[in-house]
C-alpha cells in the first residue's frame, strides 16, 4: 500500500496549488509459490487503486498485473509464460515497493516497456567474480490484459547485463538505495532493446489506441554503482518510428507515438541509521518528427528526496520536492515551470 499527498504549484512564481491529490497511489495483493514441483513456480499480482489500473487509457478496471508460471531449470536458467514486466529499463523492472523516491522518473514514464503477455527467459551463462545475465521476451506487444484483436504482430525484447565486479549483496542491483552498504564496489551495466511490430498504442504496451498501426523500436541503456551506502544510477532511452503520427478516417484527429530520447541521473546516500537523502534529474525530449503535435515538447524534472526506512523497503516514508520545466517546441521554445511535492508512506511485504 502506498498513500500519497501530491501538490503541484501553478507556476514557479505562483505557489498556489494547481492541484493537490490525496490518493491511494498503489494497493496490491501479491501471491507466489510453487505448484506440484519446486521447479514449477508462479507469480500473481492484482491491483485495486484507480491510478494503478490503466483506467484513463483503457476505460476499464485493469486489475491483473502479473499472472506468470515459471519453470526453473536451475538458479541460472528460467523460462516463464504469462503476463509480467518485460525486460526493459532497470527502474521499471524494480518493484515500485523498492524505489527510493515516491515514484519512478519522467524518463520511465515516457519510454518504459511495462507489462505484456508472452514467453520470457532468464539465463546467467557466466557466473563468479564476473557475471553476465541475459533476459529475453517474445510477447504480444499490446500491454496487459487486452481484448483480442486481428492483424497484430509481435514484440521482441532483449536485455543483457554485465556485472564486472560480481553479484550485488542479496540482489541489491534490483532494489534502489544501498541499504545493505556494499563492502566493496558493485557495478552493473545493461542494455535493453525492443522492436514492437504493428503496434496499437501510443507507447507500445501503454497509452491510448492509435488510429492506425505502426512499428517502433526502443533502446535503453542503464548503469548502477553501489558502495558503502552510496548508490548512483543513470539511464538513457530512445524510441524511433518511421511513421509516428497516425490519423483518423477523415484526418481530422491525430494520435502519435512518443518518439525522441531521454536520460536520467540519480544518486542517493543511505546512512547507517537507515535514513537516506537523494537527488535526481530527468529529461525527455520529443523528436522533430512530432513538430506540430502536442507531444513536441521537452520536459525536465529536478528533485530531492529524504527517506526514512522503518523496516527497510517494507515500511518506509519519504518526501520529495522538486521542479518541473516544459519547453514547448511548437511555440518558439516557450518555457514554463512549476514546483511539486510528494509525501509517501508505504507498507509492504
C-alpha atoms as a PDB file:
ATOM      1  CA  UNK A   1       0.000   0.000   0.000  1.00  0.00           C
ATOM      2  CA  UNK A   2       1.286   3.458  -0.967  1.00  0.00           C
ATOM      3  CA  UNK A   3      -0.615   6.517   0.281  1.00  0.00           C
ATOM      4  CA  UNK A   4       0.264   9.880  -1.239  1.00  0.00           C
ATOM      5  CA  UNK A   5      -0.257  13.590  -0.995  1.00  0.00           C
ATOM      6  CA  UNK A   6       0.867  15.204  -4.265  1.00  0.00           C
ATOM      7  CA  UNK A   7       0.987  19.004  -4.605  1.00  0.00           C
ATOM      8  CA  UNK A   8       1.691  20.934  -7.848  1.00  0.00           C
ATOM      9  CA  UNK A   9       2.017  24.738  -7.966  1.00  0.00           C
ATOM     10  CA  UNK A  10       0.513  26.903 -10.679  1.00  0.00           C
ATOM     11  CA  UNK A  11       3.905  28.212 -11.758  1.00  0.00           C
ATOM     12  CA  UNK A  12       7.395  28.899 -10.464  1.00  0.00           C
ATOM     13  CA  UNK A  13       6.258  32.336  -9.236  1.00  0.00           C
ATOM     14  CA  UNK A  14       2.711  31.458  -8.156  1.00  0.00           C
ATOM     15  CA  UNK A  15       2.948  28.835  -5.426  1.00  0.00           C
ATOM     16  CA  UNK A  16      -0.804  28.448  -5.002  1.00  0.00           C
ATOM     17  CA  UNK A  17      -1.972  24.946  -5.787  1.00  0.00           C
ATOM     18  CA  UNK A  18      -2.808  23.971  -9.340  1.00  0.00           C
ATOM     19  CA  UNK A  19      -3.707  20.572  -7.901  1.00  0.00           C
ATOM     20  CA  UNK A  20      -3.478  18.626  -4.656  1.00  0.00           C
ATOM     21  CA  UNK A  21      -4.126  14.898  -4.822  1.00  0.00           C
ATOM     22  CA  UNK A  22      -4.812  12.854  -1.693  1.00  0.00           C
ATOM     23  CA  UNK A  23      -4.727   9.383  -3.149  1.00  0.00           C
ATOM     24  CA  UNK A  24      -4.068   5.689  -2.639  1.00  0.00           C
ATOM     25  CA  UNK A  25      -1.396   5.518  -5.338  1.00  0.00           C
ATOM     26  CA  UNK A  26      -0.968   1.747  -5.185  1.00  0.00           C
ATOM     27  CA  UNK A  27      -2.885  -1.002  -3.415  1.00  0.00           C
ATOM     28  CA  UNK A  28      -1.943  -4.549  -4.391  1.00  0.00           C
ATOM     29  CA  UNK A  29      -2.188  -8.182  -3.438  1.00  0.00           C
ATOM     30  CA  UNK A  30       0.709 -10.411  -4.375  1.00  0.00           C
ATOM     31  CA  UNK A  31       0.999 -14.200  -4.305  1.00  0.00           C
ATOM     32  CA  UNK A  32       3.804 -16.591  -5.181  1.00  0.00           C
ATOM     33  CA  UNK A  33       4.896 -20.158  -4.597  1.00  0.00           C
ATOM     34  CA  UNK A  34       5.350 -23.474  -6.342  1.00  0.00           C
ATOM     35  CA  UNK A  35       2.950 -25.971  -7.885  1.00  0.00           C
ATOM     36  CA  UNK A  36       3.464 -29.759  -7.570  1.00  0.00           C
ATOM     37  CA  UNK A  37       7.210 -29.487  -8.150  1.00  0.00           C
ATOM     38  CA  UNK A  38       9.507 -26.868  -6.528  1.00  0.00           C
ATOM     39  CA  UNK A  39      10.826 -26.053 -10.001  1.00  0.00           C
ATOM     40  CA  UNK A  40       7.326 -25.049 -11.184  1.00  0.00           C
ATOM     41  CA  UNK A  41       6.616 -21.653  -9.625  1.00  0.00           C
ATOM     42  CA  UNK A  42       4.080 -18.880 -10.113  1.00  0.00           C
ATOM     43  CA  UNK A  43       3.706 -15.154  -9.531  1.00  0.00           C
ATOM     44  CA  UNK A  44       0.302 -13.449  -9.271  1.00  0.00           C
ATOM     45  CA  UNK A  45      -0.260  -9.734  -8.581  1.00  0.00           C
ATOM     46  CA  UNK A  46      -3.550  -7.794  -8.521  1.00  0.00           C
ATOM     47  CA  UNK A  47      -4.052  -4.028  -8.245  1.00  0.00           C
ATOM     48  CA  UNK A  48      -7.027  -2.170  -6.783  1.00  0.00           C
ATOM     49  CA  UNK A  49      -6.361   1.591  -6.852  1.00  0.00           C
ATOM     50  CA  UNK A  50      -7.727   3.585  -9.789  1.00  0.00           C
ATOM     51  CA  UNK A  51      -4.353   5.119 -10.690  1.00  0.00           C
ATOM     52  CA  UNK A  52      -2.840   1.623 -10.803  1.00  0.00           C
ATOM     53  CA  UNK A  53      -5.305   0.075 -13.265  1.00  0.00           C
ATOM     54  CA  UNK A  54      -4.520   1.775 -16.603  1.00  0.00           C
ATOM     55  CA  UNK A  55      -8.063   3.169 -16.376  1.00  0.00           C
ATOM     56  CA  UNK A  56      -7.530   6.506 -18.145  1.00  0.00           C
ATOM     57  CA  UNK A  57      -6.337   4.727 -21.297  1.00  0.00           C
ATOM     58  CA  UNK A  58      -8.485   1.583 -21.347  1.00  0.00           C
ATOM     59  CA  UNK A  59     -11.670   2.814 -19.601  1.00  0.00           C
ATOM     60  CA  UNK A  60     -11.997  -0.414 -17.640  1.00  0.00           C
ATOM     61  CA  UNK A  61     -10.506  -1.523 -14.300  1.00  0.00           C
ATOM     62  CA  UNK A  62      -7.423  -3.481 -15.355  1.00  0.00           C
ATOM     63  CA  UNK A  63      -6.850  -5.456 -12.149  1.00  0.00           C
ATOM     64  CA  UNK A  64      -4.456  -8.204 -13.310  1.00  0.00           C
ATOM     65  CA  UNK A  65      -0.822  -7.072 -13.264  1.00  0.00           C
ATOM     66  CA  UNK A  66       1.155 -10.325 -13.090  1.00  0.00           C
ATOM     67  CA  UNK A  67      -0.041 -13.828 -13.913  1.00  0.00           C
ATOM     68  CA  UNK A  68       3.073 -15.855 -14.648  1.00  0.00           C
ATOM     69  CA  UNK A  69       4.111 -19.507 -14.479  1.00  0.00           C
ATOM     70  CA  UNK A  70       7.842 -20.339 -14.463  1.00  0.00           C
ATOM     71  CA  UNK A  71       9.864 -23.483 -14.971  1.00  0.00           C
ATOM     72  CA  UNK A  72      13.193 -23.208 -13.156  1.00  0.00           C
ATOM     73  CA  UNK A  73      15.719 -25.499 -14.794  1.00  0.00           C
ATOM     74  CA  UNK A  74      18.289 -24.140 -12.291  1.00  0.00           C
ATOM     75  CA  UNK A  75      19.036 -20.924 -10.412  1.00  0.00           C
ATOM     76  CA  UNK A  76      20.747 -19.707 -13.585  1.00  0.00           C
ATOM     77  CA  UNK A  77      18.126 -20.736 -16.183  1.00  0.00           C
ATOM     78  CA  UNK A  78      14.398 -19.994 -16.093  1.00  0.00           C
ATOM     79  CA  UNK A  79      11.547 -19.883 -18.621  1.00  0.00           C
ATOM     80  CA  UNK A  80       8.155 -18.295 -17.968  1.00  0.00           C
ATOM     81  CA  UNK A  81       4.794 -17.946 -19.730  1.00  0.00           C
ATOM     82  CA  UNK A  82       2.076 -15.417 -18.971  1.00  0.00           C
ATOM     83  CA  UNK A  83       1.851 -11.709 -18.197  1.00  0.00           C
ATOM     84  CA  UNK A  84       4.532  -9.730 -16.373  1.00  0.00           C
ATOM     85  CA  UNK A  85       7.064  -6.936 -16.823  1.00  0.00           C
ATOM     86  CA  UNK A  86       9.174  -7.016 -19.950  1.00  0.00           C
ATOM     87  CA  UNK A  87      12.981  -6.940 -19.511  1.00  0.00           C
ATOM     88  CA  UNK A  88      13.264  -3.198 -20.082  1.00  0.00           C
ATOM     89  CA  UNK A  89      14.955  -0.462 -18.078  1.00  0.00           C
ATOM     90  CA  UNK A  90      16.117  -1.301 -14.576  1.00  0.00           C
ATOM     91  CA  UNK A  91      13.982   1.315 -12.806  1.00  0.00           C
ATOM     92  CA  UNK A  92      10.828  -0.167 -14.354  1.00  0.00           C
ATOM     93  CA  UNK A  93      11.730  -3.760 -13.576  1.00  0.00           C
ATOM     94  CA  UNK A  94      12.494  -2.832  -9.956  1.00  0.00           C
ATOM     95  CA  UNK A  95       9.309  -3.156  -7.922  1.00  0.00           C
ATOM     96  CA  UNK A  96       7.556   0.098  -7.010  1.00  0.00           C
ATOM     97  CA  UNK A  97       7.877  -1.138  -3.410  1.00  0.00           C
ATOM     98  CA  UNK A  98      11.686  -0.986  -3.745  1.00  0.00           C
ATOM     99  CA  UNK A  99      12.036   2.584  -5.055  1.00  0.00           C
ATOM    100  CA  UNK A 100      13.850   5.274  -3.085  1.00  0.00           C
ATOM    101  CA  UNK A 101      11.679   8.099  -4.465  1.00  0.00           C
ATOM    102  CA  UNK A 102       7.865   8.041  -4.196  1.00  0.00           C
ATOM    103  CA  UNK A 103       7.651   7.156  -7.890  1.00  0.00           C
ATOM    104  CA  UNK A 104       9.713   6.480 -10.988  1.00  0.00           C
ATOM    105  CA  UNK A 105      11.178   9.220 -13.189  1.00  0.00           C
ATOM    106  CA  UNK A 106       9.654  11.072 -16.160  1.00  0.00           C
ATOM    107  CA  UNK A 107      12.031   9.119 -18.421  1.00  0.00           C
ATOM    108  CA  UNK A 108      10.489   5.874 -17.278  1.00  0.00           C
ATOM    109  CA  UNK A 109       7.010   7.363 -17.744  1.00  0.00           C
ATOM    110  CA  UNK A 110       7.742   8.256 -21.358  1.00  0.00           C
ATOM    111  CA  UNK A 111       9.695   5.229 -22.601  1.00  0.00           C
ATOM    112  CA  UNK A 112       9.225   2.221 -20.295  1.00  0.00           C
ATOM    113  CA  UNK A 113       8.125  -1.086 -21.822  1.00  0.00           C
ATOM    114  CA  UNK A 114       5.869  -2.052 -18.904  1.00  0.00           C
ATOM    115  CA  UNK A 115       3.996  -5.373 -18.855  1.00  0.00           C
ATOM    116  CA  UNK A 116       2.964  -7.693 -21.669  1.00  0.00           C
ATOM    117  CA  UNK A 117       1.770 -11.254 -22.266  1.00  0.00           C
ATOM    118  CA  UNK A 118       4.143 -13.786 -23.767  1.00  0.00           C
ATOM    119  CA  UNK A 119       7.122 -16.062 -23.281  1.00  0.00           C
ATOM    120  CA  UNK A 120      10.153 -14.937 -21.270  1.00  0.00           C
ATOM    121  CA  UNK A 121      13.546 -16.397 -20.478  1.00  0.00           C
ATOM    122  CA  UNK A 122      16.362 -15.702 -17.982  1.00  0.00           C
ATOM    123  CA  UNK A 123      19.873 -17.155 -18.365  1.00  0.00           C
ATOM    124  CA  UNK A 124      23.084 -16.448 -16.468  1.00  0.00           C
ATOM    125  CA  UNK A 125      25.733 -18.094 -18.676  1.00  0.00           C
ATOM    126  CA  UNK A 126      28.717 -16.599 -16.806  1.00  0.00           C
ATOM    127  CA  UNK A 127      28.968 -16.598 -13.011  1.00  0.00           C
ATOM    128  CA  UNK A 128      31.606 -15.837 -10.422  1.00  0.00           C
ATOM    129  CA  UNK A 129      33.520 -12.588  -9.968  1.00  0.00           C
ATOM    130  CA  UNK A 130      32.416 -11.512 -13.470  1.00  0.00           C
ATOM    131  CA  UNK A 131      28.783 -12.192 -14.355  1.00  0.00           C
ATOM    132  CA  UNK A 132      26.639 -11.887 -17.461  1.00  0.00           C
ATOM    133  CA  UNK A 133      22.837 -12.115 -17.404  1.00  0.00           C
ATOM    134  CA  UNK A 134      20.630 -12.480 -20.474  1.00  0.00           C
ATOM    135  CA  UNK A 135      16.874 -11.840 -20.497  1.00  0.00           C
ATOM    136  CA  UNK A 136      14.510 -12.081 -23.446  1.00  0.00           C
ATOM    137  CA  UNK A 137      10.807 -11.960 -24.291  1.00  0.00           C
ATOM    138  CA  UNK A 138       8.547 -12.780 -27.209  1.00  0.00           C
ATOM    139  CA  UNK A 139       5.260 -11.045 -26.465  1.00  0.00           C
ATOM    140  CA  UNK A 140       2.003  -9.689 -27.831  1.00  0.00           C
ATOM    141  CA  UNK A 141       3.138  -6.057 -27.796  1.00  0.00           C
ATOM    142  CA  UNK A 142      -0.194  -4.560 -26.638  1.00  0.00           C
ATOM    143  CA  UNK A 143       0.227  -4.406 -22.872  1.00  0.00           C
ATOM    144  CA  UNK A 144      -1.564  -6.167 -20.068  1.00  0.00           C
ATOM    145  CA  UNK A 145      -4.961  -7.838 -20.177  1.00  0.00           C
ATOM    146  CA  UNK A 146      -6.062  -6.557 -23.589  1.00  0.00           C
ATOM    147  CA  UNK A 147      -9.081  -7.565 -25.686  1.00  0.00           C
ATOM    148  CA  UNK A 148      -8.471  -9.880 -28.669  1.00  0.00           C
ATOM    149  CA  UNK A 149      -7.548  -8.182 -31.945  1.00  0.00           C
ATOM    150  CA  UNK A 150      -6.771  -9.142 -35.517  1.00  0.00           C
ATOM    151  CA  UNK A 151      -3.834  -8.185 -37.680  1.00  0.00           C
ATOM    152  CA  UNK A 152      -1.320  -7.749 -34.910  1.00  0.00           C
ATOM    153  CA  UNK A 153       2.276  -8.885 -34.886  1.00  0.00           C
ATOM    154  CA  UNK A 154       4.712  -9.442 -32.021  1.00  0.00           C
ATOM    155  CA  UNK A 155       7.160  -7.540 -29.855  1.00  0.00           C
ATOM    156  CA  UNK A 156      10.729  -8.770 -29.452  1.00  0.00           C
ATOM    157  CA  UNK A 157      12.594  -7.643 -26.324  1.00  0.00           C
ATOM    158  CA  UNK A 158      16.091  -8.448 -25.122  1.00  0.00           C
ATOM    159  CA  UNK A 159      18.364  -7.333 -22.302  1.00  0.00           C
ATOM    160  CA  UNK A 160      21.973  -8.007 -21.376  1.00  0.00           C
ATOM    161  CA  UNK A 161      23.501  -7.150 -18.010  1.00  0.00           C
ATOM    162  CA  UNK A 162      27.202  -7.249 -17.171  1.00  0.00           C
ATOM    163  CA  UNK A 163      28.366  -7.306 -13.540  1.00  0.00           C
ATOM    164  CA  UNK A 164      32.167  -6.914 -13.795  1.00  0.00           C
ATOM    165  CA  UNK A 165      32.679  -6.787 -10.011  1.00  0.00           C
ATOM    166  CA  UNK A 166      30.463  -9.735  -9.118  1.00  0.00           C
ATOM    167  CA  UNK A 167      26.955 -10.072  -7.725  1.00  0.00           C
ATOM    168  CA  UNK A 168      25.373  -7.425  -5.507  1.00  0.00           C
ATOM    169  CA  UNK A 169      24.574  -8.425  -1.919  1.00  0.00           C
ATOM    170  CA  UNK A 170      21.164 -10.139  -1.704  1.00  0.00           C
ATOM    171  CA  UNK A 171      20.091  -8.964  -5.174  1.00  0.00           C
ATOM    172  CA  UNK A 172      20.899  -5.324  -4.463  1.00  0.00           C
ATOM    173  CA  UNK A 173      21.021  -4.462  -8.169  1.00  0.00           C
ATOM    174  CA  UNK A 174      17.207  -4.764  -8.162  1.00  0.00           C
ATOM    175  CA  UNK A 175      16.266  -2.515  -5.272  1.00  0.00           C
ATOM    176  CA  UNK A 176      17.097   1.176  -5.027  1.00  0.00           C
ATOM    177  CA  UNK A 177      19.471   2.571  -2.450  1.00  0.00           C
ATOM    178  CA  UNK A 178      22.460   0.865  -0.870  1.00  0.00           C
ATOM    179  CA  UNK A 179      20.599  -0.255   2.249  1.00  0.00           C
ATOM    180  CA  UNK A 180      22.994  -3.155   2.765  1.00  0.00           C
ATOM    181  CA  UNK A 181      26.083  -0.917   2.435  1.00  0.00           C
ATOM    182  CA  UNK A 182      28.157  -2.915  -0.046  1.00  0.00           C
ATOM    183  CA  UNK A 183      31.590  -3.671   1.430  1.00  0.00           C
ATOM    184  CA  UNK A 184      33.246  -3.461  -1.985  1.00  0.00           C
ATOM    185  CA  UNK A 185      32.142  -1.503  -5.085  1.00  0.00           C
ATOM    186  CA  UNK A 186      29.475  -3.247  -7.172  1.00  0.00           C
ATOM    187  CA  UNK A 187      28.650  -2.264 -10.751  1.00  0.00           C
ATOM    188  CA  UNK A 188      26.002  -3.314 -13.260  1.00  0.00           C
ATOM    189  CA  UNK A 189      25.941  -2.205 -16.913  1.00  0.00           C
ATOM    190  CA  UNK A 190      22.915  -3.079 -19.025  1.00  0.00           C
ATOM    191  CA  UNK A 191      21.358  -2.610 -22.455  1.00  0.00           C
ATOM    192  CA  UNK A 192      17.729  -3.334 -23.408  1.00  0.00           C
ATOM    193  CA  UNK A 193      16.132  -3.193 -26.857  1.00  0.00           C
ATOM    194  CA  UNK A 194      12.660  -3.812 -28.238  1.00  0.00           C
ATOM    195  CA  UNK A 195      11.090  -3.978 -31.683  1.00  0.00           C
ATOM    196  CA  UNK A 196       7.288  -3.677 -31.461  1.00  0.00           C
ATOM    197  CA  UNK A 197       5.799  -4.508 -34.839  1.00  0.00           C
ATOM    198  CA  UNK A 198       2.418  -3.221 -35.992  1.00  0.00           C
ATOM    199  CA  UNK A 199       1.674  -1.871 -32.527  1.00  0.00           C
ATOM    200  CA  UNK A 200      -1.661  -0.406 -31.482  1.00  0.00           C
ATOM    201  CA  UNK A 201      -0.879   2.043 -28.621  1.00  0.00           C
ATOM    202  CA  UNK A 202       0.959   5.350 -28.386  1.00  0.00           C
ATOM    203  CA  UNK A 203       3.682   3.998 -26.076  1.00  0.00           C
ATOM    204  CA  UNK A 204       3.690   0.395 -27.227  1.00  0.00           C
ATOM    205  CA  UNK A 205       2.365  -1.520 -24.223  1.00  0.00           C
ATOM    206  CA  UNK A 206       0.851   1.667 -22.744  1.00  0.00           C
ATOM    207  CA  UNK A 207      -1.088   4.712 -23.877  1.00  0.00           C
ATOM    208  CA  UNK A 208      -4.239   5.328 -25.856  1.00  0.00           C
ATOM    209  CA  UNK A 209      -5.046   3.358 -29.008  1.00  0.00           C
ATOM    210  CA  UNK A 210      -3.521   4.658 -32.227  1.00  0.00           C
ATOM    211  CA  UNK A 211      -5.814   5.339 -35.196  1.00  0.00           C
ATOM    212  CA  UNK A 212      -3.677   3.057 -37.388  1.00  0.00           C
ATOM    213  CA  UNK A 213      -0.969   0.553 -36.529  1.00  0.00           C
ATOM    214  CA  UNK A 214       2.689   1.433 -36.752  1.00  0.00           C
ATOM    215  CA  UNK A 215       6.065  -0.009 -35.745  1.00  0.00           C
ATOM    216  CA  UNK A 216       8.508   1.409 -33.204  1.00  0.00           C
ATOM    217  CA  UNK A 217      11.867   0.489 -31.709  1.00  0.00           C
ATOM    218  CA  UNK A 218      13.034   1.363 -28.178  1.00  0.00           C
ATOM    219  CA  UNK A 219      16.556   1.231 -26.761  1.00  0.00           C
ATOM    220  CA  UNK A 220      17.500   1.593 -23.083  1.00  0.00           C
ATOM    221  CA  UNK A 221      20.970   1.730 -21.552  1.00  0.00           C
ATOM    222  CA  UNK A 222      21.438   1.900 -17.779  1.00  0.00           C
ATOM    223  CA  UNK A 223      24.190   1.676 -15.191  1.00  0.00           C
ATOM    224  CA  UNK A 224      24.201   1.197 -11.411  1.00  0.00           C
ATOM    225  CA  UNK A 225      27.020   1.610  -8.888  1.00  0.00           C
ATOM    226  CA  UNK A 226      26.714   0.857  -5.151  1.00  0.00           C
ATOM    227  CA  UNK A 227      29.310   1.156  -2.415  1.00  0.00           C
ATOM    228  CA  UNK A 228      29.238   1.856   1.333  1.00  0.00           C
ATOM    229  CA  UNK A 229      25.795   3.482   1.352  1.00  0.00           C
ATOM    230  CA  UNK A 230      26.192   5.376  -1.928  1.00  0.00           C
ATOM    231  CA  UNK A 231      24.001   4.428  -4.900  1.00  0.00           C
ATOM    232  CA  UNK A 232      24.467   6.110  -8.302  1.00  0.00           C
ATOM    233  CA  UNK A 233      22.136   5.284 -11.172  1.00  0.00           C
ATOM    234  CA  UNK A 234      21.794   6.565 -14.742  1.00  0.00           C
ATOM    235  CA  UNK A 235      19.841   5.607 -17.829  1.00  0.00           C
ATOM    236  CA  UNK A 236      19.367   6.703 -21.434  1.00  0.00           C
ATOM    237  CA  UNK A 237      16.303   5.920 -23.567  1.00  0.00           C
ATOM    238  CA  UNK A 238      15.408   6.386 -27.219  1.00  0.00           C
ATOM    239  CA  UNK A 239      12.306   5.470 -29.238  1.00  0.00           C
ATOM    240  CA  UNK A 240      12.147   5.655 -33.034  1.00  0.00           C
ATOM    241  CA  UNK A 241       9.434   5.066 -35.631  1.00  0.00           C
ATOM    242  CA  UNK A 242       9.232   5.683 -39.375  1.00  0.00           C
ATOM    243  CA  UNK A 243       5.566   6.712 -39.065  1.00  0.00           C
ATOM    244  CA  UNK A 244       4.927   8.043 -35.537  1.00  0.00           C
ATOM    245  CA  UNK A 245       1.815  10.142 -36.383  1.00  0.00           C
ATOM    246  CA  UNK A 246      -1.464   8.335 -37.074  1.00  0.00           C
ATOM    247  CA  UNK A 247      -4.712   9.863 -38.384  1.00  0.00           C
ATOM    248  CA  UNK A 248      -8.383   9.043 -38.031  1.00  0.00           C
ATOM    249  CA  UNK A 249     -10.590   8.242 -41.058  1.00  0.00           C
ATOM    250  CA  UNK A 250     -11.076  11.862 -42.214  1.00  0.00           C
ATOM    251  CA  UNK A 251      -7.638  13.047 -40.997  1.00  0.00           C
ATOM    252  CA  UNK A 252      -9.239  15.480 -38.556  1.00  0.00           C
ATOM    253  CA  UNK A 253      -7.524  13.952 -35.499  1.00  0.00           C
ATOM    254  CA  UNK A 254      -4.081  12.565 -34.762  1.00  0.00           C
ATOM    255  CA  UNK A 255      -2.507  10.272 -32.191  1.00  0.00           C
ATOM    256  CA  UNK A 256       1.233   9.910 -32.072  1.00  0.00           C
ATOM    257  CA  UNK A 257       3.895   7.542 -30.861  1.00  0.00           C
ATOM    258  CA  UNK A 258       6.188   9.416 -28.483  1.00  0.00           C
ATOM    259  CA  UNK A 259       9.477   9.288 -30.403  1.00  0.00           C
ATOM    260  CA  UNK A 260      12.556  11.004 -29.057  1.00  0.00           C
ATOM    261  CA  UNK A 261      15.062  10.444 -26.281  1.00  0.00           C
ATOM    262  CA  UNK A 262      15.549  10.938 -22.569  1.00  0.00           C
ATOM    263  CA  UNK A 263      18.092  10.489 -19.804  1.00  0.00           C
ATOM    264  CA  UNK A 264      18.131  10.230 -16.037  1.00  0.00           C
ATOM    265  CA  UNK A 265      20.816  10.762 -13.392  1.00  0.00           C
ATOM    266  CA  UNK A 266      20.046   9.750  -9.801  1.00  0.00           C
ATOM    267  CA  UNK A 267      22.184   9.498  -6.668  1.00  0.00           C
ATOM    268  CA  UNK A 268      21.276   8.579  -3.082  1.00  0.00           C
ATOM    269  CA  UNK A 269      23.144   8.016   0.147  1.00  0.00           C
ATOM    270  CA  UNK A 270      21.832   5.766   2.934  1.00  0.00           C
ATOM    271  CA  UNK A 271      23.119   6.453   6.436  1.00  0.00           C
ATOM    272  CA  UNK A 272      23.773   3.562   8.868  1.00  0.00           C
ATOM    273  CA  UNK A 273      20.732   4.668  10.906  1.00  0.00           C
ATOM    274  CA  UNK A 274      18.508   3.919   7.851  1.00  0.00           C
ATOM    275  CA  UNK A 275      17.770   7.417   6.682  1.00  0.00           C
ATOM    276  CA  UNK A 276      18.592   8.380   3.092  1.00  0.00           C
ATOM    277  CA  UNK A 277      18.903  11.528   1.023  1.00  0.00           C
ATOM    278  CA  UNK A 278      18.988  11.741  -2.740  1.00  0.00           C
ATOM    279  CA  UNK A 279      18.629  13.833  -5.866  1.00  0.00           C
ATOM    280  CA  UNK A 280      17.738  13.177  -9.474  1.00  0.00           C
ATOM    281  CA  UNK A 281      17.406  14.982 -12.784  1.00  0.00           C
ATOM    282  CA  UNK A 282      15.489  13.660 -15.768  1.00  0.00           C
ATOM    283  CA  UNK A 283      14.967  14.938 -19.322  1.00  0.00           C
ATOM    284  CA  UNK A 284      12.532  13.798 -22.029  1.00  0.00           C
ATOM    285  CA  UNK A 285      12.816  15.478 -25.442  1.00  0.00           C
ATOM    286  CA  UNK A 286      10.475  14.676 -28.337  1.00  0.00           C
ATOM    287  CA  UNK A 287      11.853  14.213 -31.839  1.00  0.00           C
ATOM    288  CA  UNK A 288      11.211  16.831 -34.547  1.00  0.00           C
ATOM    289  CA  UNK A 289       9.111  14.220 -36.380  1.00  0.00           C
ATOM    290  CA  UNK A 290       6.364  15.312 -33.949  1.00  0.00           C
ATOM    291  CA  UNK A 291       6.528  19.002 -34.938  1.00  0.00           C
ATOM    292  CA  UNK A 292       3.045  20.487 -34.702  1.00  0.00           C
ATOM    293  CA  UNK A 293       1.802  17.743 -32.390  1.00  0.00           C
ATOM    294  CA  UNK A 294       1.022  18.304 -28.678  1.00  0.00           C
ATOM    295  CA  UNK A 295       3.831  15.875 -27.775  1.00  0.00           C
ATOM    296  CA  UNK A 296       6.505  18.087 -29.388  1.00  0.00           C
ATOM    297  CA  UNK A 297       7.917  19.318 -26.057  1.00  0.00           C
ATOM    298  CA  UNK A 298      10.935  18.914 -23.820  1.00  0.00           C
ATOM    299  CA  UNK A 299      10.225  18.024 -20.188  1.00  0.00           C
ATOM    300  CA  UNK A 300      12.715  18.313 -17.332  1.00  0.00           C
ATOM    301  CA  UNK A 301      12.330  17.307 -13.685  1.00  0.00           C
ATOM    302  CA  UNK A 302      14.787  18.097 -10.883  1.00  0.00           C
ATOM    303  CA  UNK A 303      14.066  16.897  -7.352  1.00  0.00           C
ATOM    304  CA  UNK A 304      15.465  15.893  -3.988  1.00  0.00           C
ATOM    305  CA  UNK A 305      14.188  13.283  -1.554  1.00  0.00           C
ATOM    306  CA  UNK A 306      14.564  12.313   2.089  1.00  0.00           C
ATOM    307  CA  UNK A 307      13.556   8.796   3.138  1.00  0.00           C
ATOM    308  CA  UNK A 308      13.276   7.057   6.477  1.00  0.00           C
ATOM    309  CA  UNK A 309      13.307   3.260   6.424  1.00  0.00           C
ATOM    310  CA  UNK A 310      11.349   1.866   9.361  1.00  0.00           C
ATOM    311  CA  UNK A 311      11.832  -1.708   8.129  1.00  0.00           C
ATOM    312  CA  UNK A 312      13.993  -1.300   5.046  1.00  0.00           C
ATOM    313  CA  UNK A 313      11.808  -1.044   1.911  1.00  0.00           C
ATOM    314  CA  UNK A 314       8.898  -2.876   3.532  1.00  0.00           C
ATOM    315  CA  UNK A 315       7.873   0.029   5.776  1.00  0.00           C
ATOM    316  CA  UNK A 316       9.127   3.487   4.879  1.00  0.00           C
ATOM    317  CA  UNK A 317       8.145   7.102   4.410  1.00  0.00           C
ATOM    318  CA  UNK A 318       9.606   9.759   2.145  1.00  0.00           C
ATOM    319  CA  UNK A 319       9.198  13.330   0.967  1.00  0.00           C
ATOM    320  CA  UNK A 320      10.210  14.554  -2.498  1.00  0.00           C
ATOM    321  CA  UNK A 321      10.351  18.221  -3.518  1.00  0.00           C
ATOM    322  CA  UNK A 322      11.227  19.401  -6.991  1.00  0.00           C
ATOM    323  CA  UNK A 323      10.601  21.474 -10.099  1.00  0.00           C
ATOM    324  CA  UNK A 324       9.100  20.561 -13.476  1.00  0.00           C
ATOM    325  CA  UNK A 325      10.044  22.561 -16.576  1.00  0.00           C
ATOM    326  CA  UNK A 326       8.448  22.275 -20.018  1.00  0.00           C
ATOM    327  CA  UNK A 327       9.832  23.724 -23.248  1.00  0.00           C
ATOM    328  CA  UNK A 328       7.177  23.915 -25.988  1.00  0.00           C
ATOM    329  CA  UNK A 329       8.963  23.491 -29.304  1.00  0.00           C
ATOM    330  CA  UNK A 330       5.781  24.448 -31.190  1.00  0.00           C
ATOM    331  CA  UNK A 331       5.760  27.897 -29.503  1.00  0.00           C
ATOM    332  CA  UNK A 332       9.313  29.066 -30.168  1.00  0.00           C
ATOM    333  CA  UNK A 333      10.643  27.011 -27.249  1.00  0.00           C
ATOM    334  CA  UNK A 334       8.473  28.772 -24.676  1.00  0.00           C
ATOM    335  CA  UNK A 335       9.497  27.596 -21.175  1.00  0.00           C
ATOM    336  CA  UNK A 336       7.138  27.189 -18.231  1.00  0.00           C
ATOM    337  CA  UNK A 337       7.901  25.771 -14.788  1.00  0.00           C
ATOM    338  CA  UNK A 338       6.197  24.761 -11.568  1.00  0.00           C
ATOM    339  CA  UNK A 339       7.073  23.203  -8.243  1.00  0.00           C
ATOM    340  CA  UNK A 340       5.841  19.901  -6.853  1.00  0.00           C
ATOM    341  CA  UNK A 341       5.989  17.961  -3.613  1.00  0.00           C
ATOM    342  CA  UNK A 342       5.084  14.338  -2.871  1.00  0.00           C
ATOM    343  CA  UNK A 343       4.764  12.741   0.534  1.00  0.00           C
ATOM    344  CA  UNK A 344       4.512   8.951   0.595  1.00  0.00           C
ATOM    345  CA  UNK A 345       4.026   6.375   3.336  1.00  0.00           C
ATOM    346  CA  UNK A 346       4.322   2.744   2.355  1.00  0.00           C
ATOM    347  CA  UNK A 347       3.548  -0.635   3.856  1.00  0.00           C
ATOM    348  CA  UNK A 348       4.656  -3.789   2.047  1.00  0.00           C
ATOM    349  CA  UNK A 349       5.512  -7.452   2.352  1.00  0.00           C
END
